[in-house]
Amino acid sequence: MGEGGGSLSNKKNKRDNMESEKIVICAQIENDKLEERKRELEREIEEVEREIETNKKLIEKYCKHKYKNNKCMYCNNFFTS
């Protein structure tokens, strides 16, 4: 009778271990996917930041300031005297 009880206990432990292993593997796969998405978003952010800087340089170079209330209506720069 003692052996039979131990056998059931071993089966339960194995099943619990397998379930834990599945959970860990699934979580790791999900983390890997999320990390890749994070890297993609970071690359996209860097690209947008470069575009913003390019546009700022173009504005600085080409804006023919027209001020209203001491602020340029086109580029939002403040009038400095």
PDB file of N, CA and C in Angstrom:
ATOM      1  N   MET A   1       0.823  -1.189   0.000  1.00  0.00           N
ATOM      2  CA  MET A   1       0.000   0.000   0.000  1.00  0.00           C
ATOM      3  C   MET A   1       0.871   1.258   0.000  1.00  0.00           C
ATOM      4  N   GLY A   2       1.979   1.249   0.736  1.00  0.00           N
ATOM      5  CA  GLY A   2       2.881   2.385   0.779  1.00  0.00           C
ATOM      6  C   GLY A   2       3.492   2.663  -0.578  1.00  0.00           C
ATOM      7  N   GLU A   3       3.827   1.600  -1.329  1.00  0.00           N
ATOM      8  CA  GLU A   3       4.435   1.809  -2.648  1.00  0.00           C
ATOM      9  C   GLU A   3       3.463   2.462  -3.612  1.00  0.00           C
ATOM     10  N   GLY A   4       2.220   2.009  -3.583  1.00  0.00           N
ATOM     11  CA  GLY A   4       1.211   2.560  -4.482  1.00  0.00           C
ATOM     12  C   GLY A   4       1.007   4.042  -4.236  1.00  0.00           C
ATOM     13  N   GLY A   5       0.967   4.440  -2.976  1.00  0.00           N
ATOM     14  CA  GLY A   5       0.803   5.849  -2.639  1.00  0.00           C
ATOM     15  C   GLY A   5       1.982   6.668  -3.123  1.00  0.00           C
ATOM     16  N   GLY A   6       3.172   6.090  -2.975  1.00  0.00           N
ATOM     17  CA  GLY A   6       4.373   6.785  -3.438  1.00  0.00           C
ATOM     18  C   GLY A   6       4.361   6.940  -4.946  1.00  0.00           C
ATOM     19  N   SER A   7       3.870   5.941  -5.630  1.00  0.00           N
ATOM     20  CA  SER A   7       3.812   5.986  -7.087  1.00  0.00           C
ATOM     21  C   SER A   7       2.887   7.102  -7.568  1.00  0.00           C
ATOM     22  N   LEU A   8       1.744   7.235  -6.922  1.00  0.00           N
ATOM     23  CA  LEU A   8       0.826   8.318  -7.279  1.00  0.00           C
ATOM     24  C   LEU A   8       1.446   9.678  -6.997  1.00  0.00           C
ATOM     25  N   SER A   9       2.164   9.742  -5.891  1.00  0.00           N
ATOM     26  CA  SER A   9       2.823  10.989  -5.527  1.00  0.00           C
ATOM     27  C   SER A   9       3.895  11.350  -6.563  1.00  0.00           C
ATOM     28  N   ASN A  10       4.660  10.348  -7.013  1.00  0.00           N
ATOM     29  CA  ASN A  10       5.688  10.583  -8.033  1.00  0.00           C
ATOM     30  C   ASN A  10       5.060  11.060  -9.340  1.00  0.00           C
ATOM     31  N   LYS A  11       3.926  10.449  -9.721  1.00  0.00           N
ATOM     32  CA  LYS A  11       3.243  10.857 -10.954  1.00  0.00           C
ATOM     33  C   LYS A  11       2.761  12.305 -10.836  1.00  0.00           C
ATOM     34  N   LYS A  12       2.231  12.648  -9.671  1.00  0.00           N
ATOM     35  CA  LYS A  12       1.759  14.024  -9.458  1.00  0.00           C
ATOM     36  C   LYS A  12       2.927  14.999  -9.528  1.00  0.00           C
ATOM     37  N   ASN A  13       4.048  14.638  -8.906  1.00  0.00           N
ATOM     38  CA  ASN A  13       5.227  15.508  -8.950  1.00  0.00           C
ATOM     39  C   ASN A  13       5.726  15.685 -10.377  1.00  0.00           C
ATOM     40  N   LYS A  14       5.756  14.586 -11.141  1.00  0.00           N
ATOM     41  CA  LYS A  14       6.198  14.678 -12.532  1.00  0.00           C
ATOM     42  C   LYS A  14       5.255  15.569 -13.336  1.00  0.00           C
ATOM     43  N   ARG A  15       3.945  15.388 -13.107  1.00  0.00           N
ATOM     44  CA  ARG A  15       2.956  16.202 -13.820  1.00  0.00           C
ATOM     45  C   ARG A  15       3.113  17.675 -13.425  1.00  0.00           C
ATOM     46  N   ASP A  16       3.306  17.940 -12.150  1.00  0.00           N
ATOM     47  CA  ASP A  16       3.511  19.317 -11.685  1.00  0.00           C
ATOM     48  C   ASP A  16       4.778  19.909 -12.291  1.00  0.00           C
ATOM     49  N   ASN A  17       5.845  19.105 -12.337  1.00  0.00           N
ATOM     50  CA  ASN A  17       7.106  19.574 -12.916  1.00  0.00           C
ATOM     51  C   ASN A  17       6.949  19.875 -14.402  1.00  0.00           C
ATOM     52  N   MET A  18       6.222  19.008 -15.108  1.00  0.00           N
ATOM     53  CA  MET A  18       5.995  19.228 -16.535  1.00  0.00           C
ATOM     54  C   MET A  18       5.173  20.498 -16.747  1.00  0.00           C
ATOM     55  N   GLU A  19       4.175  20.699 -15.918  1.00  0.00           N
ATOM     56  CA  GLU A  19       3.329  21.899 -16.028  1.00  0.00           C
ATOM     57  C   GLU A  19       4.159  23.149 -15.754  1.00  0.00           C
ATOM     58  N   SER A  20       5.002  23.098 -14.731  1.00  0.00           N
ATOM     59  CA  SER A  20       5.879  24.232 -14.417  1.00  0.00           C
ATOM     60  C   SER A  20       6.821  24.510 -15.584  1.00  0.00           C
ATOM     61  N   GLU A  21       7.351  23.454 -16.166  1.00  0.00           N
ATOM     62  CA  GLU A  21       8.268  23.602 -17.293  1.00  0.00           C
ATOM     63  C   GLU A  21       7.544  24.251 -18.480  1.00  0.00           C
ATOM     64  N   LYS A  22       6.325  23.838 -18.750  1.00  0.00           N
ATOM     65  CA  LYS A  22       5.541  24.436 -19.841  1.00  0.00           C
ATOM     66  C   LYS A  22       5.323  25.927 -19.595  1.00  0.00           C
ATOM     67  N   ILE A  23       4.986  26.268 -18.357  1.00  0.00           N
ATOM     68  CA  ILE A  23       4.748  27.673 -18.014  1.00  0.00           C
ATOM     69  C   ILE A  23       6.008  28.495 -18.255  1.00  0.00           C
ATOM     70  N   VAL A  24       7.144  27.976 -17.809  1.00  0.00           N
ATOM     71  CA  VAL A  24       8.417  28.699 -17.959  1.00  0.00           C
ATOM     72  C   VAL A  24       8.767  28.858 -19.430  1.00  0.00           C
ATOM     73  N   ILE A  25       8.615  27.791 -20.209  1.00  0.00           N
ATOM     74  CA  ILE A  25       8.945  27.847 -21.632  1.00  0.00           C
ATOM     75  C   ILE A  25       8.048  28.848 -22.350  1.00  0.00           C
ATOM     76  N   CYS A  26       6.757  28.806 -22.073  1.00  0.00           N
ATOM     77  CA  CYS A  26       5.817  29.746 -22.702  1.00  0.00           C
ATOM     78  C   CYS A  26       6.143  31.189 -22.326  1.00  0.00           C
ATOM     79  N   ALA A  27       6.451  31.408 -21.066  1.00  0.00           N
ATOM     80  CA  ALA A  27       6.785  32.762 -20.615  1.00  0.00           C
ATOM     81  C   ALA A  27       8.065  33.253 -21.288  1.00  0.00           C
ATOM     82  N   GLN A  28       9.049  32.351 -21.443  1.00  0.00           N
ATOM     83  CA  GLN A  28      10.308  32.746 -22.082  1.00  0.00           C
ATOM     84  C   GLN A  28      10.089  33.073 -23.560  1.00  0.00           C
ATOM     85  N   ILE A  29       9.279  32.274 -24.236  1.00  0.00           N
ATOM     86  CA  ILE A  29       8.962  32.546 -25.643  1.00  0.00           C
ATOM     87  C   ILE A  29       8.276  33.902 -25.767  1.00  0.00           C
ATOM     88  N   GLU A  30       7.337  34.173 -24.882  1.00  0.00           N
ATOM     89  CA  GLU A  30       6.626  35.462 -24.902  1.00  0.00           C
ATOM     90  C   GLU A  30       7.600  36.609 -24.643  1.00  0.00           C
ATOM     91  N   ASN A  31       8.513  36.434 -23.688  1.00  0.00           N
ATOM     92  CA  ASN A  31       9.515  37.466 -23.411  1.00  0.00           C
ATOM     93  C   ASN A  31      10.404  37.716 -24.617  1.00  0.00           C
ATOM     94  N   ASP A  32      10.801  36.656 -25.304  1.00  0.00           N
ATOM     95  CA  ASP A  32      11.637  36.800 -26.501  1.00  0.00           C
ATOM     96  C   ASP A  32      10.907  37.630 -27.561  1.00  0.00           C
ATOM     97  N   LYS A  33       9.615  37.349 -27.753  1.00  0.00           N
ATOM     98  CA  LYS A  33       8.826  38.110 -28.717  1.00  0.00           C
ATOM     99  C   LYS A  33       8.721  39.572 -28.300  1.00  0.00           C
ATOM    100  N   LEU A  34       8.490  39.803 -27.007  1.00  0.00           N
ATOM    101  CA  LEU A  34       8.373  41.171 -26.512  1.00  0.00           C
ATOM    102  C   LEU A  34       9.685  41.939 -26.631  1.00  0.00           C
ATOM    103  N   GLU A  35      10.799  41.263 -26.380  1.00  0.00           N
ATOM    104  CA  GLU A  35      12.110  41.908 -26.511  1.00  0.00           C
ATOM    105  C   GLU A  35      12.364  42.309 -27.957  1.00  0.00           C
ATOM    106  N   GLU A  36      11.993  41.455 -28.902  1.00  0.00           N
ATOM    107  CA  GLU A  36      12.167  41.785 -30.315  1.00  0.00           C
ATOM    108  C   GLU A  36      11.291  42.973 -30.698  1.00  0.00           C
ATOM    109  N   ARG A  37      10.063  42.995 -30.225  1.00  0.00           N
ATOM    110  CA  ARG A  37       9.162  44.127 -30.495  1.00  0.00           C
ATOM    111  C   ARG A  37       9.729  45.411 -29.893  1.00  0.00           C
ATOM    112  N   LYS A  38      10.291  45.308 -28.697  1.00  0.00           N
ATOM    113  CA  LYS A  38      10.906  46.469 -28.051  1.00  0.00           C
ATOM    114  C   LYS A  38      12.056  47.006 -28.902  1.00  0.00           C
ATOM    115  N   ARG A  39      12.904  46.100 -29.421  1.00  0.00           N
ATOM    116  CA  ARG A  39      14.023  46.536 -30.263  1.00  0.00           C
ATOM    117  C   ARG A  39      13.514  47.220 -31.530  1.00  0.00           C
ATOM    118  N   GLU A  40      12.450  46.667 -32.126  1.00  0.00           N
ATOM    119  CA  GLU A  40      11.867  47.279 -33.323  1.00  0.00           C
ATOM    120  C   GLU A  40      11.345  48.678 -33.024  1.00  0.00           C
ATOM    121  N   LEU A  41      10.659  48.825 -31.894  1.00  0.00           N
ATOM    122  CA  LEU A  41      10.130  50.140 -31.512  1.00  0.00           C
ATOM    123  C   LEU A  41      11.259  51.128 -31.235  1.00  0.00           C
ATOM    124  N   GLU A  42      12.326  50.666 -30.615  1.00  0.00           N
ATOM    125  CA  GLU A  42      13.466  51.551 -30.341  1.00  0.00           C
ATOM    126  C   GLU A  42      14.091  52.027 -31.649  1.00  0.00           C
ATOM    127  N   ARG A  43      14.189  51.130 -32.651  1.00  0.00           N
ATOM    128  CA  ARG A  43      14.721  51.539 -33.959  1.00  0.00           C
ATOM    129  C   ARG A  43      13.802  52.564 -34.615  1.00  0.00           C
ATOM    130  N   GLU A  44      12.504  52.348 -34.490  1.00  0.00           N
ATOM    131  CA  GLU A  44      11.535  53.274 -35.065  1.00  0.00           C
ATOM    132  C   GLU A  44      11.627  54.644 -34.384  1.00  0.00           C
ATOM    133  N   ILE A  45      11.766  54.658 -33.070  1.00  0.00           N
ATOM    134  CA  ILE A  45      11.912  55.914 -32.326  1.00  0.00           C
ATOM    135  C   ILE A  45      13.160  56.662 -32.783  1.00  0.00           C
ATOM    136  N   GLU A  46      14.272  55.943 -32.951  1.00  0.00           N
ATOM    137  CA  GLU A  46      15.508  56.584 -33.409  1.00  0.00           C
ATOM    138  C   GLU A  46      15.312  57.216 -34.781  1.00  0.00           C
ATOM    139  N   GLU A  47      14.605  56.517 -35.669  1.00  0.00           N
ATOM    140  CA  GLU A  47      14.340  57.048 -37.005  1.00  0.00           C
ATOM    141  C   GLU A  47      13.500  58.317 -36.930  1.00  0.00           C
ATOM    142  N   VAL A  48      12.468  58.309 -36.103  1.00  0.00           N
ATOM    143  CA  VAL A  48      11.605  59.483 -35.944  1.00  0.00           C
ATOM    144  C   VAL A  48      12.403  60.648 -35.362  1.00  0.00           C
ATOM    145  N   GLU A  49      13.254  60.375 -34.403  1.00  0.00           N
ATOM    146  CA  GLU A  49      14.079  61.440 -33.809  1.00  0.00           C
ATOM    147  C   GLU A  49      15.012  62.047 -34.855  1.00  0.00           C
ATOM    148  N   ARG A  50      15.575  61.223 -35.742  1.00  0.00           N
ATOM    149  CA  ARG A  50      16.425  61.757 -36.815  1.00  0.00           C
ATOM    150  C   ARG A  50      15.615  62.649 -37.752  1.00  0.00           C
ATOM    151  N   GLU A  51      14.398  62.220 -38.077  1.00  0.00           N
ATOM    152  CA  GLU A  51      13.538  63.031 -38.946  1.00  0.00           C
ATOM    153  C   GLU A  51      13.195  64.359 -38.292  1.00  0.00           C
ATOM    154  N   ILE A  52      12.918  64.347 -37.002  1.00  0.00           N
ATOM    155  CA  ILE A  52      12.616  65.580 -36.269  1.00  0.00           C
ATOM    156  C   ILE A  52      13.812  66.525 -36.327  1.00  0.00           C
ATOM    157  N   GLU A  53      15.005  65.997 -36.091  1.00  0.00           N
ATOM    158  CA  GLU A  53      16.209  66.834 -36.127  1.00  0.00           C
ATOM    159  C   GLU A  53      16.427  67.417 -37.513  1.00  0.00           C
ATOM    160  N   THR A  54      16.201  66.621 -38.544  1.00  0.00           N
ATOM    161  CA  THR A  54      16.335  67.106 -39.921  1.00  0.00           C
ATOM    162  C   THR A  54      15.354  68.241 -40.168  1.00  0.00           C
ATOM    163  N   ASN A  55      14.115  68.065 -39.730  1.00  0.00           N
ATOM    164  CA  ASN A  55      13.106  69.104 -39.924  1.00  0.00           C
ATOM    165  C   ASN A  55      13.454  70.371 -39.154  1.00  0.00           C
ATOM    166  N   LYS A  56      13.978  70.217 -37.945  1.00  0.00           N
ATOM    167  CA  LYS A  56      14.386  71.392 -37.162  1.00  0.00           C
ATOM    168  C   LYS A  56      15.467  72.174 -37.898  1.00  0.00           C
ATOM    169  N   LYS A  57      16.419  71.469 -38.490  1.00  0.00           N
ATOM    170  CA  LYS A  57      17.492  72.139 -39.236  1.00  0.00           C
ATOM    171  C   LYS A  57      16.939  72.861 -40.457  1.00  0.00           C
ATOM    172  N   LEU A  58      15.994  72.231 -41.144  1.00  0.00           N
ATOM    173  CA  LEU A  58      15.372  72.869 -42.300  1.00  0.00           C
ATOM    174  C   LEU A  58      14.613  74.122 -41.884  1.00  0.00           C
ATOM    175  N   ILE A  59      13.882  74.039 -40.792  1.00  0.00           N
ATOM    176  CA  ILE A  59      13.134  75.193 -40.281  1.00  0.00           C
ATOM    177  C   ILE A  59      14.095  76.319 -39.933  1.00  0.00           C
ATOM    178  N   GLU A  60      15.156  75.971 -39.217  1.00  0.00           N
ATOM    179  CA  GLU A  60      16.139  76.973 -38.804  1.00  0.00           C
ATOM    180  C   GLU A  60      16.762  77.658 -40.022  1.00  0.00           C
ATOM    181  N   LYS A  61      17.008  76.874 -41.062  1.00  0.00           N
ATOM    182  CA  LYS A  61      17.674  77.410 -42.244  1.00  0.00           C
ATOM    183  C   LYS A  61      16.743  78.242 -43.115  1.00  0.00           C
ATOM    184  N   TYR A  62      15.501  77.827 -43.273  1.00  0.00           N
ATOM    185  CA  TYR A  62      14.644  78.435 -44.273  1.00  0.00           C
ATOM    186  C   TYR A  62      13.498  79.308 -43.755  1.00  0.00           C
ATOM    187  N   CYS A  63      13.240  79.306 -42.482  1.00  0.00           N
ATOM    188  CA  CYS A  63      12.110  80.077 -41.979  1.00  0.00           C
ATOM    189  C   CYS A  63      12.355  81.581 -42.154  1.00  0.00           C
ATOM    190  N   LYS A  64      11.375  82.257 -42.770  1.00  0.00           N
ATOM    191  CA  LYS A  64      11.392  83.714 -42.897  1.00  0.00           C
ATOM    192  C   LYS A  64      10.447  84.225 -41.819  1.00  0.00           C
ATOM    193  N   HIS A  65      10.971  84.376 -40.654  1.00  0.00           N
ATOM    194  CA  HIS A  65      10.167  84.648 -39.462  1.00  0.00           C
ATOM    195  C   HIS A  65       9.158  85.773 -39.661  1.00  0.00           C
ATOM    196  N   LYS A  66       7.960  85.508 -39.249  1.00  0.00           N
ATOM    197  CA  LYS A  66       6.899  86.514 -39.204  1.00  0.00           C
ATOM    198  C   LYS A  66       6.326  86.432 -37.791  1.00  0.00           C
ATOM    199  N   TYR A  67       6.584  87.485 -37.034  1.00  0.00           N
ATOM    200  CA  TYR A  67       6.252  87.450 -35.612  1.00  0.00           C
ATOM    201  C   TYR A  67       4.875  88.023 -35.321  1.00  0.00           C
ATOM    202  N   LYS A  68       4.223  87.369 -34.410  1.00  0.00           N
ATOM    203  CA  LYS A  68       2.958  87.850 -33.865  1.00  0.00           C
ATOM    204  C   LYS A  68       3.034  87.583 -32.369  1.00  0.00           C
ATOM    205  N   ASN A  69       2.880  88.655 -31.582  1.00  0.00           N
ATOM    206  CA  ASN A  69       3.023  88.546 -30.117  1.00  0.00           C
ATOM    207  C   ASN A  69       4.394  87.974 -29.730  1.00  0.00           C
ATOM    208  N   ASN A  70       5.401  88.469 -30.401  1.00  0.00           N
ATOM    209  CA  ASN A  70       6.795  88.077 -30.142  1.00  0.00           C
ATOM    210  C   ASN A  70       7.095  86.607 -30.420  1.00  0.00           C
ATOM    211  N   LYS A  71       6.251  85.956 -31.217  1.00  0.00           N
ATOM    212  CA  LYS A  71       6.479  84.549 -31.537  1.00  0.00           C
ATOM    213  C   LYS A  71       6.267  84.341 -33.034  1.00  0.00           C
ATOM    214  N   CYS A  72       7.192  83.623 -33.662  1.00  0.00           N
ATOM    215  CA  CYS A  72       7.071  83.374 -35.094  1.00  0.00           C
ATOM    216  C   CYS A  72       5.831  82.516 -35.360  1.00  0.00           C
ATOM    217  N   MET A  73       5.039  82.944 -36.325  1.00  0.00           N
ATOM    218  CA  MET A  73       3.807  82.223 -36.650  1.00  0.00           C
ATOM    219  C   MET A  73       4.107  80.881 -37.331  1.00  0.00           C
ATOM    220  N   TYR A  74       5.286  80.729 -37.908  1.00  0.00           N
ATOM    221  CA  TYR A  74       5.618  79.520 -38.658  1.00  0.00           C
ATOM    222  C   TYR A  74       6.399  78.487 -37.840  1.00  0.00           C
ATOM    223  N   CYS A  75       7.416  78.948 -37.170  1.00  0.00           N
ATOM    224  CA  CYS A  75       8.300  77.984 -36.472  1.00  0.00           C
ATOM    225  C   CYS A  75       8.212  78.067 -34.958  1.00  0.00           C
ATOM    226  N   ASN A  76       7.412  78.996 -34.447  1.00  0.00           N
ATOM    227  CA  ASN A  76       7.205  79.148 -32.992  1.00  0.00           C
ATOM    228  C   ASN A  76       8.422  79.659 -32.247  1.00  0.00           C
ATOM    229  N   ASN A  77       9.430  80.145 -32.950  1.00  0.00           N
ATOM    230  CA  ASN A  77      10.564  80.752 -32.259  1.00  0.00           C
ATOM    231  C   ASN A  77      10.125  82.074 -31.670  1.00  0.00           C
ATOM    232  N   PHE A  78      10.703  82.424 -30.552  1.00  0.00           N
ATOM    233  CA  PHE A  78      10.398  83.704 -29.918  1.00  0.00           C
ATOM    234  C   PHE A  78      11.318  84.774 -30.462  1.00  0.00           C
ATOM    235  N   PHE A  79      10.768  85.985 -30.571  1.00  0.00           N
ATOM    236  CA  PHE A  79      11.548  87.132 -31.017  1.00  0.00           C
ATOM    237  C   PHE A  79      12.570  87.480 -29.946  1.00  0.00           C
ATOM    238  N   THR A  80      13.803  87.607 -30.364  1.00  0.00           N
ATOM    239  CA  THR A  80      14.852  88.050 -29.434  1.00  0.00           C
ATOM    240  C   THR A  80      15.479  89.305 -30.012  1.00  0.00           C
ATOM    241  N   SER A  81      15.720  90.273 -29.168  1.00  0.00           N
ATOM    242  CA  SER A  81      16.286  91.530 -29.664  1.00  0.00           C
ATOM    243  C   SER A  81      17.726  91.665 -29.252  1.00  0.00           C
TER     244      SER A  81
END
